[in-house]
């Protein structure tokens, strides 16, 4: 389908898409965003339309999925805010003295790896990009770091 045909399809269906969201969403501000998201999804995924159903069925399925995602993420964010308001973050307890001593005994690159992964909470992929190493190498180094810390703590 050419871009002209796709734009005419969108112009024909836009009022129906807007009506779909207006009936199902109480927040007027959100309707415009949902319509825009649905149209974007239709344009982006039109090449996957396989003509096993009518175009109207497919467009309504896209709209239903957009609305479902909207409610899912809205509710998830609401629950997260509630949890953060009810449970203030606990103050991190300092590391036991033995663990601090063990970390001090590690080589500089192991200390850096420990700091990036366990203190800053970075992912393996972020650490690999930061250290310019493959992901597998970072995973192996983390494994060796844990073994070394265990050995030093068992002394």
Protein backbone atom coordinates (compact mmCIF):
# COMPACT_ATOMS: atom_id res chain seq x y z
CA UNK A 1 0.00 0.00 0.00
CA UNK A 2 1.36 3.41 -0.92
CA UNK A 3 1.68 6.26 1.53
CA UNK A 4 -1.25 8.07 -0.13
CA UNK A 5 -3.50 5.04 0.36
CA UNK A 6 -2.36 4.69 3.95
CA UNK A 7 -2.98 8.38 4.69
CA UNK A 8 -6.48 8.16 3.17
CA UNK A 9 -7.15 5.06 5.28
CA UNK A 10 -6.09 6.97 8.39
CA UNK A 11 -8.20 10.00 7.51
CA UNK A 12 -11.25 7.76 7.02
CA UNK A 13 -10.72 5.86 10.27
CA UNK A 14 -9.54 8.68 12.56
CA UNK A 15 -13.06 9.78 13.64
CA UNK A 16 -13.99 6.17 14.45
CA UNK A 17 -10.78 5.65 16.38
CA UNK A 18 -11.42 8.85 18.34
CA UNK A 19 -14.98 7.71 19.12
CA UNK A 20 -13.65 4.32 20.26
CA UNK A 21 -11.35 5.93 22.81
CA UNK A 22 -13.83 8.66 23.82
CA UNK A 23 -16.38 5.99 24.83
CA UNK A 24 -13.86 4.04 26.86
CA UNK A 25 -11.65 6.69 28.44
CA UNK A 26 -12.94 9.31 30.86
CA UNK A 27 -9.91 11.61 30.72
CA UNK A 28 -10.37 13.88 27.70
CA UNK A 29 -6.68 14.74 27.63
CA UNK A 30 -5.79 11.09 27.29
CA UNK A 31 -8.09 10.51 24.29
CA UNK A 32 -5.88 12.57 21.99
CA UNK A 33 -2.77 10.71 23.13
CA UNK A 34 -4.46 7.35 22.67
CA UNK A 35 -5.67 8.26 19.18
CA UNK A 36 -2.18 9.34 18.25
CA UNK A 37 -0.69 6.14 19.67
CA UNK A 38 -3.21 3.99 17.80
CA UNK A 39 -2.58 5.75 14.49
CA UNK A 40 1.15 5.43 14.98
CA UNK A 41 0.75 1.71 15.66
CA UNK A 42 -1.46 1.28 12.60
CA UNK A 43 1.08 3.02 10.37
CA UNK A 44 4.03 1.16 11.88
CA UNK A 45 2.38 -2.29 11.74
CA UNK A 46 0.30 -2.06 8.58
CA UNK A 47 2.80 -4.19 6.71
CA UNK A 48 1.91 -7.07 9.08
CA UNK A 49 -1.79 -6.95 8.17
CA UNK A 50 -2.39 -10.27 6.44
CA UNK A 51 -5.97 -9.78 5.12
CA UNK A 52 -7.26 -12.76 7.14
CA UNK A 53 -9.86 -10.38 8.58
CA UNK A 54 -11.39 -7.10 7.53
CA UNK A 55 -9.42 -3.92 7.96
CA UNK A 56 -11.98 -2.70 10.51
CA UNK A 57 -11.44 -5.76 12.70
CA UNK A 58 -7.69 -5.26 12.57
CA UNK A 59 -7.89 -1.52 13.35
CA UNK A 60 -10.19 -2.14 16.31
CA UNK A 61 -7.81 -4.83 17.57
CA UNK A 62 -4.96 -2.32 17.42
CA UNK A 63 -7.07 0.22 19.31
CA UNK A 64 -8.04 -2.38 21.91
CA UNK A 65 -4.37 -3.27 22.44
CA UNK A 66 -3.39 0.40 22.77
CA UNK A 67 -6.14 0.91 25.36
CA UNK A 68 -5.15 -2.24 27.22
CA UNK A 69 -1.53 -1.11 27.37
CA UNK A 70 -2.61 2.34 28.55
CA UNK A 71 -4.62 0.90 31.47
CA UNK A 72 -1.90 -1.58 32.35
CA UNK A 73 0.87 1.03 32.56
CA UNK A 74 -1.36 3.59 34.27
CA UNK A 75 -2.34 1.10 36.96
CA UNK A 76 1.23 -0.12 37.35
CA UNK A 77 2.49 3.44 37.80
CA UNK A 78 -0.29 4.18 40.28
CA UNK A 79 0.61 1.08 42.34
CA UNK A 80 4.27 2.06 42.29
CA UNK A 81 3.51 5.57 43.54
CA UNK A 82 1.30 4.13 46.29
CA UNK A 83 4.01 1.72 47.35
CA UNK A 84 6.62 4.47 47.43
CA UNK A 85 4.35 6.69 49.51
CA UNK A 86 3.51 3.92 51.98
CA UNK A 87 6.97 2.41 52.27
CA UNK A 88 9.63 5.08 52.42
CA UNK A 89 12.95 3.68 51.28
CA UNK A 90 14.90 2.18 54.10
CA UNK A 91 18.22 3.71 54.95
CA UNK A 92 20.93 1.44 53.68
CA UNK A 93 22.80 -0.22 56.48
CA UNK A 94 26.53 0.11 56.26
CA UNK A 95 28.42 -2.97 55.20
CA UNK A 96 29.79 -5.11 57.99
CA UNK A 97 33.40 -4.37 58.80
CA UNK A 98 34.53 -7.80 57.53
CA UNK A 99 32.99 -7.15 54.10
CA UNK A 100 34.56 -3.69 53.94
CA UNK A 101 37.96 -5.22 54.68
CA UNK A 102 37.48 -7.89 52.02
CA UNK A 103 36.55 -5.29 49.43
CA UNK A 104 39.65 -3.36 50.37
CA UNK A 105 41.75 -6.48 49.64
CA UNK A 106 40.39 -6.84 46.09
CA UNK A 107 42.34 -5.71 43.06
CA UNK A 108 41.46 -2.28 41.67
CA UNK A 109 39.52 -3.63 38.67
CA UNK A 110 37.55 -5.99 40.96
CA UNK A 111 36.74 -3.09 43.29
CA UNK A 112 35.52 -1.07 40.32
CA UNK A 113 33.39 -4.00 39.15
CA UNK A 114 31.98 -4.43 42.68
CA UNK A 115 31.16 -0.73 42.89
CA UNK A 116 29.48 -0.60 39.46
CA UNK A 117 27.36 -3.74 39.96
CA UNK A 118 26.56 -3.86 43.66
CA UNK A 119 26.71 -0.22 44.76
CA UNK A 120 25.47 1.65 41.68
CA UNK A 121 23.21 -1.21 40.57
CA UNK A 122 24.25 -1.09 36.94
CA UNK A 123 23.34 -3.92 34.59
CA UNK A 124 25.88 -6.25 33.05
CA UNK A 125 25.28 -4.59 29.68
CA UNK A 126 25.98 -1.11 31.09
CA UNK A 127 29.14 -2.31 32.80
CA UNK A 128 30.31 -4.03 29.61
CA UNK A 129 29.79 -0.82 27.66
CA UNK A 130 31.55 1.22 30.35
CA UNK A 131 34.55 -1.13 30.53
CA UNK A 132 34.52 -1.84 26.76
CA UNK A 133 34.28 -5.60 27.31
CA UNK A 134 31.85 -8.27 26.08
CA UNK A 135 28.85 -9.08 28.29
CA UNK A 136 30.08 -12.63 28.81
CA UNK A 137 33.42 -11.38 30.10
CA UNK A 138 31.72 -9.14 32.64
CA UNK A 139 29.50 -12.02 33.78
CA UNK A 140 32.56 -14.22 34.23
CA UNK A 141 34.39 -11.48 36.14
CA UNK A 142 31.38 -11.03 38.43
CA UNK A 143 31.35 -14.77 39.04
CA UNK A 144 35.05 -14.73 39.91
CA UNK A 145 34.51 -11.68 42.12
CA UNK A 146 31.84 -13.49 44.12
CA UNK A 147 34.08 -16.54 44.51
CA UNK A 148 36.98 -14.39 45.71
CA UNK A 149 34.79 -12.54 48.23
CA UNK A 150 33.43 -15.86 49.55
CA UNK A 151 36.94 -17.25 49.95
CA UNK A 152 38.16 -14.13 51.74
CA UNK A 153 35.15 -14.11 54.07
CA UNK A 154 35.62 -17.80 54.96
CA UNK A 155 39.17 -17.24 56.15
